[in-house]
C-alpha atoms as a PDB file:
ATOM      1  CA  MET A   1      -0.271   0.012   0.156  1.00  0.00           C
ATOM      2  CA  GLY A   2       1.782   3.695  -1.173  1.00  0.00           C
ATOM      3  CA  THR A   3       1.559   6.149   0.938  1.00  0.00           C
ATOM      4  CA  VAL A   4       3.725   8.510  -0.793  1.00  0.00           C
ATOM      5  CA  GLY A   5       1.291  11.680  -0.410  1.00  0.00           C
ATOM      6  CA  ASP A   6      -1.851   9.649  -1.332  1.00  0.00           C
ATOM      7  CA  MET A   7      -3.003   5.895  -0.331  1.00  0.00           C
ATOM      8  CA  SER A   8      -3.047   3.138  -2.505  1.00  0.00           C
ATOM      9  CA  GLU A   9      -5.049   0.350  -2.979  1.00  0.00           C
ATOM     10  CA  GLU A  10      -4.401  -2.620  -4.932  1.00  0.00           C
ATOM     11  CA  VAL A  11      -7.952  -5.057  -5.824  1.00  0.00           C
ATOM     12  CA  ALA A  12      -8.826  -7.910  -7.970  1.00  0.00           C
ATOM     13  CA  ALA A  13     -11.207  -6.605 -10.846  1.00  0.00           C
ATOM     14  CA  PRO A  14     -11.950  -8.719 -13.744  1.00  0.00           C
ATOM     15  CA  GLU A  15      -9.641  -7.507 -17.297  1.00  0.00           C
ATOM     16  CA  LYS A  16     -11.927  -7.293 -19.793  1.00  0.00           C
ATOM     17  CA  GLY A  17     -15.039  -7.964 -17.649  1.00  0.00           C
ATOM     18  CA  PRO A  18     -16.768 -11.606 -19.939  1.00  0.00           C
ATOM     19  CA  ASN A  19     -19.869 -11.455 -18.218  1.00  0.00           C
ATOM     20  CA  PRO A  20     -22.285  -9.125 -15.580  1.00  0.00           C
ATOM     21  CA  TRP A  21     -21.457 -11.559 -13.106  1.00  0.00           C
ATOM     22  CA  ALA A  22     -18.071 -11.109 -13.272  1.00  0.00           C
ATOM     23  CA  GLN A  23     -18.505  -7.789 -13.639  1.00  0.00           C
ATOM     24  CA  ALA A  24     -20.422  -7.291 -10.911  1.00  0.00           C
ATOM     25  CA  ILE A  25     -18.121  -9.371  -7.777  1.00  0.00           C
ATOM     26  CA  ALA A  26     -15.559  -6.274  -9.450  1.00  0.00           C
ATOM     27  CA  ALA A  27     -17.631  -4.021  -7.818  1.00  0.00           C
ATOM     28  CA  LEU A  28     -18.141  -5.191  -5.100  1.00  0.00           C
ATOM     29  CA  VAL A  29     -14.429  -6.295  -4.314  1.00  0.00           C
ATOM     30  CA  VAL A  30     -13.705  -2.641  -5.209  1.00  0.00           C
ATOM     31  CA  VAL A  31     -16.185  -1.415  -2.321  1.00  0.00           C
ATOM     32  CA  GLY A  32     -15.455  -3.247   0.210  1.00  0.00           C
ATOM     33  CA  ALA A  33     -11.531  -3.324  -0.096  1.00  0.00           C
ATOM     34  CA  LEU A  34     -11.693   0.487  -0.041  1.00  0.00           C
ATOM     35  CA  GLY A  35     -13.955   0.561   2.990  1.00  0.00           C
ATOM     36  CA  GLY A  36     -11.742  -2.377   4.041  1.00  0.00           C
ATOM     37  CA  ALA A  37      -8.125  -0.899   3.583  1.00  0.00           C
ATOM     38  CA  LEU A  38      -9.856   2.807   5.817  1.00  0.00           C
ATOM     39  CA  PHE A  39     -10.532   0.532   8.867  1.00  0.00           C
ATOM     40  CA  VAL A  40      -7.149  -0.853   8.725  1.00  0.00           C
ATOM     41  CA  LEU A  41      -4.832   2.107   8.852  1.00  0.00           C
ATOM     42  CA  GLN A  42      -7.158   3.582  11.470  1.00  0.00           C
ATOM     43  CA  LYS A  43      -6.508   0.397  14.089  1.00  0.00           C
ATOM     44  CA  ASN A  44      -3.141  -0.501  12.895  1.00  0.00           C
ATOM     45  CA  ASP A  45      -1.565   3.162  13.277  1.00  0.00           C
ATOM     46  CA  ALA A  46      -1.104   1.791  16.815  1.00  0.00           C
ATOM     47  CA  LYS A  47       0.598  -1.453  15.602  1.00  0.00           C
ATOM     48  CA  ALA A  48       4.087  -2.378  16.745  1.00  0.00           C
ATOM     49  CA  ALA A  49       5.693  -2.389  13.559  1.00  0.00           C
ATOM     50  CA  ASP A  50       7.679  -6.514  14.322  1.00  0.00           C
ATOM     51  CA  GLU A  51       3.762  -6.740  15.061  1.00  0.00           C
ATOM     52  CA  PRO A  52       1.497  -9.489  12.465  1.00  0.00           C
ATOM     53  CA  ALA A  53      -1.592  -7.919  11.552  1.00  0.00           C
ATOM     54  CA  THR A  54      -4.671  -9.197  13.714  1.00  0.00           C
ATOM     55  CA  CYS A  55      -7.922 -10.213  12.337  1.00  0.00           C
ATOM     56  CA  SER A  56     -10.023  -7.469  15.042  1.00  0.00           C
ATOM     57  CA  PRO A  57     -13.898  -6.853  14.203  1.00  0.00           C
ATOM     58  CA  SER A  58     -15.580  -3.736  14.553  1.00  0.00           C
ATOM     59  CA  GLU A  59     -18.937  -3.647  16.868  1.00  0.00           C
ATOM     60  CA  ALA A  60     -20.766  -3.305  12.737  1.00  0.00           C
ATOM     61  CA  ASP A  61     -18.786  -7.063  12.513  1.00  0.00           C
ATOM     62  CA  LYS A  62     -19.711  -8.424  15.181  1.00  0.00           C
ATOM     63  CA  LYS A  63     -23.496  -7.680  14.498  1.00  0.00           C
ATOM     64  CA  ALA A  64     -22.314  -8.997  10.664  1.00  0.00           C
ATOM     65  CA  GLU A  65     -20.934 -12.289  11.923  1.00  0.00           C
ATOM     66  CA  ALA A  66     -24.235 -12.935  14.444  1.00  0.00           C
ATOM     67  CA  VAL A  67     -25.892 -12.362  11.022  1.00  0.00           C
ATOM     68  CA  ALA A  68     -24.534 -14.629   8.961  1.00  0.00           C
ATOM     69  CA  LYS A  69     -24.039 -16.889  12.219  1.00  0.00           C
ATOM     70  CA  ALA A  70     -28.004 -17.444  12.149  1.00  0.00           C
ATOM     71  CA  ALA A  71     -28.311 -17.848   8.274  1.00  0.00           C
ATOM     72  CA  HIS A  72     -26.080 -20.178   8.868  1.00  0.00           C
ATOM     73  CA  ARG A  73     -23.366 -18.338   6.566  1.00  0.00           C
ATOM     74  CA  VAL A  74     -19.921 -18.143   7.211  1.00  0.00           C
ATOM     75  CA  SER A  75     -19.039 -14.334   7.842  1.00  0.00           C
ATOM     76  CA  GLY A  76     -15.995 -12.024   6.833  1.00  0.00           C
ATOM     77  CA  THR A  77     -14.416 -12.343  10.155  1.00  0.00           C
ATOM     78  CA  GLN A  78     -14.800 -16.145   9.956  1.00  0.00           C
ATOM     79  CA  LEU A  79     -13.057 -16.018   6.821  1.00  0.00           C
ATOM     80  CA  CYS A  80     -10.273 -13.525   7.682  1.00  0.00           C
ATOM     81  CA  THR A  81      -8.897 -15.652  10.592  1.00  0.00           C
ATOM     82  CA  ALA A  82      -8.915 -18.487   8.580  1.00  0.00           C
ATOM     83  CA  LEU A  83      -6.478 -16.889   5.800  1.00  0.00           C
ATOM     84  CA  ASN A  84      -4.398 -14.412   8.809  1.00  0.00           C
ATOM     85  CA  ARG A  85      -2.825 -17.952   9.763  1.00  0.00           C
ATOM     86  CA  ALA A  86       0.397 -17.871  10.773  1.00  0.00           C
ATOM     87  CA  ASP A  87       2.317 -19.655   8.434  1.00  0.00           C
ATOM     88  CA  LEU A  88       0.361 -17.586   5.334  1.00  0.00           C
ATOM     89  CA  PRO A  89       3.924 -16.152   4.734  1.00  0.00           C
ATOM     90  CA  THR A  90       5.888 -19.650   4.695  1.00  0.00           C
ATOM     91  CA  LEU A  91       2.482 -20.913   2.337  1.00  0.00           C
ATOM     92  CA  LEU A  92       3.684 -17.714   0.109  1.00  0.00           C
ATOM     93  CA  GLY A  93       7.303 -18.530  -0.242  1.00  0.00           C
ATOM     94  CA  THR A  94       8.008 -15.358   1.562  1.00  0.00           C
ATOM     95  CA  PRO A  95       8.603 -17.224   5.134  1.00  0.00           C
ATOM     96  CA  ARG A  96      10.520 -13.278   6.444  1.00  0.00           C
ATOM     97  CA  GLU A  97       7.642 -11.452   6.143  1.00  0.00           C
ATOM     98  CA  ARG A  98       4.778 -11.193   7.752  1.00  0.00           C
ATOM     99  CA  ALA A  99       0.509  -9.514   7.654  1.00  0.00           C
ATOM    100  CA  VAL A 100       1.092  -5.474   7.515  1.00  0.00           C
ATOM    101  CA  THR A 101      -2.545  -5.583   7.844  1.00  0.00           C
ATOM    102  CA  ALA A 102      -5.372  -7.898   7.939  1.00  0.00           C
ATOM    103  CA  TYR A 103      -9.574  -7.123   7.844  1.00  0.00           C
ATOM    104  CA  GLY A 104     -12.817  -8.719   6.520  1.00  0.00           C
ATOM    105  CA  SER A 105     -16.060  -7.363   5.386  1.00  0.00           C
ATOM    106  CA  ASP A 106     -19.797  -7.983   4.829  1.00  0.00           C
ATOM    107  CA  GLY A 107     -21.100  -7.942   1.811  1.00  0.00           C
ATOM    108  CA  SER A 108     -23.915  -8.446  -1.164  1.00  0.00           C
ATOM    109  CA  ILE A 109     -24.042  -7.973  -4.682  1.00  0.00           C
ATOM    110  CA  GLY A 110     -27.487  -7.925  -6.159  1.00  0.00           C
ATOM    111  CA  THR A 111     -29.683  -9.585  -8.930  1.00  0.00           C
ATOM    112  CA  GLY A 112     -32.701  -8.120  -9.719  1.00  0.00           C
ATOM    113  CA  ASP A 113     -34.933  -8.633  -6.540  1.00  0.00           C
ATOM    114  CA  GLU A 114     -32.761 -11.271  -4.684  1.00  0.00           C
ATOM    115  CA  GLN A 115     -29.499 -10.054  -2.490  1.00  0.00           C
ATOM    116  CA  ILE A 116     -26.552 -12.809  -2.460  1.00  0.00           C
ATOM    117  CA  PRO A 117     -24.196 -13.090   0.706  1.00  0.00           C
ATOM    118  CA  THR A 118     -20.339 -12.480  -0.284  1.00  0.00           C
ATOM    119  CA  PRO A 119     -18.475 -12.398   2.586  1.00  0.00           C
ATOM    120  CA  GLU A 120     -14.773 -11.480   2.041  1.00  0.00           C
ATOM    121  CA  ALA A 121     -11.657 -10.603   4.308  1.00  0.00           C
ATOM    122  CA  THR A 122      -8.433  -9.145   2.666  1.00  0.00           C
ATOM    123  CA  VAL A 123      -4.525 -10.048   4.094  1.00  0.00           C
ATOM    124  CA  GLN A 124      -1.964  -7.898   3.053  1.00  0.00           C
ATOM    125  CA  LEU A 125       2.296  -9.182   3.268  1.00  0.00           C
ATOM    126  CA  ASP A 126       5.462  -6.900   2.172  1.00  0.00           C
ATOM    127  CA  THR A 127       5.541  -8.474  -1.412  1.00  0.00           C
ATOM    128  CA  TYR A 128       1.660 -10.126  -1.865  1.00  0.00           C
ATOM    129  CA  THR A 129      -2.015  -9.456  -0.779  1.00  0.00           C
ATOM    130  CA  VAL A 130      -4.358 -12.569  -0.853  1.00  0.00           C
ATOM    131  CA  GLN A 131      -7.940 -11.879  -0.634  1.00  0.00           C
ATOM    132  CA  LEU A 132     -10.400 -14.721  -0.148  1.00  0.00           C
ATOM    133  CA  THR A 133     -14.485 -14.472  -1.254  1.00  0.00           C
ATOM    134  CA  ARG A 134     -17.172 -16.692  -0.609  1.00  0.00           C
ATOM    135  CA  SER A 135     -20.160 -16.127  -2.269  1.00  0.00           C
ATOM    136  CA  TYR A 136     -23.430 -17.873  -2.163  1.00  0.00           C
ATOM    137  CA  ASP A 137     -24.762 -17.669  -5.641  1.00  0.00           C
ATOM    138  CA  ARG A 138     -26.492 -20.736  -7.491  1.00  0.00           C
ATOM    139  CA  LEU A 139     -23.583 -20.891  -9.848  1.00  0.00           C
ATOM    140  CA  PRO A 140     -21.448 -23.995 -10.218  1.00  0.00           C
ATOM    141  CA  ILE A 141     -17.879 -24.437 -10.814  1.00  0.00           C
ATOM    142  CA  ALA A 142     -18.420 -26.600 -13.967  1.00  0.00           C
ATOM    143  CA  ARG A 143     -20.409 -23.500 -15.768  1.00  0.00           C
ATOM    144  CA  MET A 144     -18.570 -20.468 -14.557  1.00  0.00           C
ATOM    145  CA  ALA A 145     -15.112 -21.703 -16.061  1.00  0.00           C
ATOM    146  CA  GLY A 146     -16.724 -20.911 -19.638  1.00  0.00           C
ATOM    147  CA  LEU A 147     -17.349 -17.317 -18.474  1.00  0.00           C
ATOM    148  CA  LEU A 148     -13.302 -17.129 -17.614  1.00  0.00           C
ATOM    149  CA  ASP A 149     -10.561 -16.244 -20.067  1.00  0.00           C
ATOM    150  CA  GLU A 150      -8.136 -18.857 -20.366  1.00  0.00           C
ATOM    151  CA  ALA A 151      -9.808 -20.843 -17.571  1.00  0.00           C
ATOM    152  CA  GLN A 152      -7.781 -24.370 -16.357  1.00  0.00           C
ATOM    153  CA  ALA A 153      -9.296 -26.925 -14.047  1.00  0.00           C
ATOM    154  CA  ARG A 154      -7.618 -28.106 -10.958  1.00  0.00           C
ATOM    155  CA  THR A 155      -8.950 -29.438  -7.871  1.00  0.00           C
ATOM    156  CA  VAL A 156      -8.565 -29.061  -4.269  1.00  0.00           C
ATOM    157  CA  ALA A 157      -9.367 -31.597  -1.779  1.00  0.00           C
ATOM    158  CA  GLY A 158     -11.641 -33.392  -3.902  1.00  0.00           C
ATOM    159  CA  HIS A 159     -12.969 -30.211  -4.424  1.00  0.00           C
ATOM    160  CA  PRO A 160     -14.186 -29.070  -8.401  1.00  0.00           C
ATOM    161  CA  ALA A 161     -11.697 -25.403  -9.066  1.00  0.00           C
ATOM    162  CA  VAL A 162     -11.121 -23.093 -11.931  1.00  0.00           C
ATOM    163  CA  LEU A 163      -7.588 -21.756 -11.767  1.00  0.00           C
ATOM    164  CA  TYR A 164      -7.729 -17.712 -14.055  1.00  0.00           C
ATOM    165  CA  SER A 165      -5.595 -14.754 -14.159  1.00  0.00           C
ATOM    166  CA  THR A 166      -7.362 -11.341 -14.030  1.00  0.00           C
ATOM    167  CA  GLN A 167      -6.116  -7.678 -13.783  1.00  0.00           C
ATOM    168  CA  THR A 168      -6.168  -5.645 -10.505  1.00  0.00           C
ATOM    169  CA  ILE A 169      -7.096  -1.939 -10.152  1.00  0.00           C
ATOM    170  CA  ALA A 170      -4.750   0.829  -8.483  1.00  0.00           C
ATOM    171  CA  ILE A 171      -7.374   2.771  -6.831  1.00  0.00           C
ATOM    172  CA  ARG A 172      -5.522   6.054  -5.874  1.00  0.00           C
ATOM    173  CA  PHE A 173      -7.190   8.636  -3.449  1.00  0.00           C
ATOM    174  CA  ASN A 174      -5.744  10.992  -0.988  1.00  0.00           C
ATOM    175  CA  LEU A 175      -7.052  11.198   2.479  1.00  0.00           C
ATOM    176  CA  GLY A 176      -7.356  14.889   2.780  1.00  0.00           C
ATOM    177  CA  GLY A 177     -10.404  14.767   0.432  1.00  0.00           C
ATOM    178  CA  GLY A 178      -9.036  14.669  -2.554  1.00  0.00           C
ATOM    179  CA  LYS A 179     -10.125  12.999  -5.979  1.00  0.00           C
ATOM    180  CA  SER A 180      -9.375   9.255  -6.632  1.00  0.00           C
ATOM    181  CA  GLU A 181      -7.774   8.151  -9.496  1.00  0.00           C
ATOM    182  CA  THR A 182      -7.608   4.532 -11.021  1.00  0.00           C
ATOM    183  CA  GLY A 183      -5.275   2.904 -13.766  1.00  0.00           C
ATOM    184  CA  PRO A 184      -4.118  -0.632 -14.617  1.00  0.00           C
ATOM    185  CA  GLY A 185      -2.623  -2.638 -11.559  1.00  0.00           C
ATOM    186  CA  SER A 186      -0.209  -5.888 -11.472  1.00  0.00           C
ATOM    187  CA  VAL A 187      -1.858  -9.148 -12.885  1.00  0.00           C
ATOM    188  CA  ALA A 188      -3.573 -11.174 -10.388  1.00  0.00           C
ATOM    189  CA  ARG A 189      -4.317 -15.434 -10.412  1.00  0.00           C
ATOM    190  CA  ALA A 190      -7.675 -15.827  -9.063  1.00  0.00           C
ATOM    191  CA  LEU A 191      -9.029 -19.822  -8.087  1.00  0.00           C
ATOM    192  CA  VAL A 192     -12.353 -21.013  -7.753  1.00  0.00           C
ATOM    193  CA  VAL A 193     -13.426 -23.490  -5.243  1.00  0.00           C
ATOM    194  CA  ALA A 194     -16.813 -25.435  -5.005  1.00  0.00           C
ATOM    195  CA  PRO A 195     -18.127 -25.521  -1.011  1.00  0.00           C
ATOM    196  CA  ASP A 196     -18.701 -29.313  -1.899  1.00  0.00           C
ATOM    197  CA  ALA A 197     -17.382 -31.551  -4.341  1.00  0.00           C
ATOM    198  CA  LYS A 198     -20.831 -32.161  -5.810  1.00  0.00           C
ATOM    199  CA  ASP A 199     -20.879 -28.615  -7.353  1.00  0.00           C
ATOM    200  CA  ARG A 200     -23.915 -27.916  -6.024  1.00  0.00           C
ATOM    201  CA  GLY A 201     -23.541 -24.187  -6.746  1.00  0.00           C
ATOM    202  CA  GLY A 202     -21.906 -20.834  -5.131  1.00  0.00           C
ATOM    203  CA  SER A 203     -17.888 -20.835  -4.248  1.00  0.00           C
ATOM    204  CA  TYR A 204     -14.984 -19.348  -2.378  1.00  0.00           C
ATOM    205  CA  GLU A 205     -11.814 -17.467  -4.298  1.00  0.00           C
ATOM    206  CA  LEU A 206      -8.592 -17.061  -3.347  1.00  0.00           C
ATOM    207  CA  THR A 207      -7.071 -14.482  -5.448  1.00  0.00           C
ATOM    208  CA  VAL A 208      -3.712 -13.071  -4.851  1.00  0.00           C
ATOM    209  CA  TRP A 209      -1.182 -10.863  -6.265  1.00  0.00           C
ATOM    210  CA  ARG A 210       2.009  -8.671  -6.249  1.00  0.00           C
ATOM    211  CA  LYS A 211       2.595  -5.705  -5.243  1.00  0.00           C
ATOM    212  CA  ASP A 212       6.195  -5.319  -7.557  1.00  0.00           C
ATOM    213  CA  HIS A 213       3.708  -5.955 -10.562  1.00  0.00           C
ATOM    214  CA  ALA A 214       5.275  -9.982 -10.762  1.00  0.00           C
ATOM    215  CA  ARG A 215       3.311 -13.075 -11.582  1.00  0.00           C
ATOM    216  CA  PRO A 216       2.158 -14.285  -8.660  1.00  0.00           C
ATOM    217  CA  ASP A 217       3.117 -17.803  -7.951  1.00  0.00           C
ATOM    218  CA  ASP A 218       0.171 -20.758  -8.912  1.00  0.00           C
ATOM    219  CA  ALA A 219       2.348 -23.467  -6.650  1.00  0.00           C
ATOM    220  CA  ALA A 220       1.788 -20.446  -3.846  1.00  0.00           C
ATOM    221  CA  LEU A 221      -2.097 -20.156  -4.229  1.00  0.00           C
ATOM    222  CA  LEU A 222      -3.072 -23.556  -4.644  1.00  0.00           C
ATOM    223  CA  ARG A 223      -0.284 -24.248  -1.160  1.00  0.00           C
ATOM    224  CA  ILE A 224      -2.992 -21.423   0.474  1.00  0.00           C
ATOM    225  CA  ALA A 225      -6.552 -23.043  -0.947  1.00  0.00           C
ATOM    226  CA  GLN A 226      -5.179 -26.974  -0.049  1.00  0.00           C
ATOM    227  CA  GLN A 227      -4.443 -25.472   3.733  1.00  0.00           C
ATOM    228  CA  VAL A 228      -6.875 -22.932   4.079  1.00  0.00           C
ATOM    229  CA  LEU A 229     -10.590 -23.823   2.968  1.00  0.00           C
ATOM    230  CA  PRO A 230     -10.518 -26.904   5.406  1.00  0.00           C
ATOM    231  CA  THR A 231     -10.896 -24.190   7.420  1.00  0.00           C
ATOM    232  CA  VAL A 232     -13.179 -22.121   7.034  1.00  0.00           C
ATOM    233  CA  PRO A 233     -16.622 -22.762   8.577  1.00  0.00           C
ATOM    234  CA  GLY A 234     -19.082 -24.675   5.594  1.00  0.00           C
ATOM    235  CA  TRP A 235     -16.528 -26.528   3.901  1.00  0.00           C
ATOM    236  CA  THR A 236     -17.862 -30.323   3.526  1.00  0.00           C
ATOM    237  CA  THR A 237     -14.788 -32.936   3.068  1.00  0.00           C
ATOM    238  CA  THR A 238     -17.762 -35.233   1.391  1.00  0.00           C
ATOM    239  CA  GLY A 239     -19.556 -34.994  -1.108  1.00  0.00           C
END
């Protein structure tokens, strides 16, 4: 996150907007990341420089978590807790780094009269940013593969998955109230995974990108998925 005269936040968004579903997800990611970034800056100002960031929910987050629990859904805070594990830097291949920011958020996207819950979590290290989103739509991974450019079929812990590339959007805005600026960011790699082995609909999406704009390591992304997703509430180990 750049802090020279302004604050810069990069969020994953589809490179070409291949379909309305992807565009809606992109819009949600942008809004959620901006709100989360401001929240994290305020909370992390008092942290020691060598202390890894933690997932510390606000009162609003706690209320959202209670609502999600009542509806038998995972919350942004729960996703953050699962993602922000002590060995995340090692899984990424950067064992000497630490979590600089970590936060979850609870949002939804509208499709007609229906609101689809899409909680998410973001953990930023010195080199990588990792984002985990849960979508409660009814779109199976098998159908999603046809909507994404150059998608590659994968399997994660017995669950169908799709690996693809996307382009991040760099959003820079002045904390003093100046206008925000957008531009192309780095290449991100994303892995969309079915919540159950029978691919009944919905997904988890792990997205990683690098601050230096280099291409992320697919092996690191797959390692994270194999270790993190089975620890998320709602993940099923059987069909």
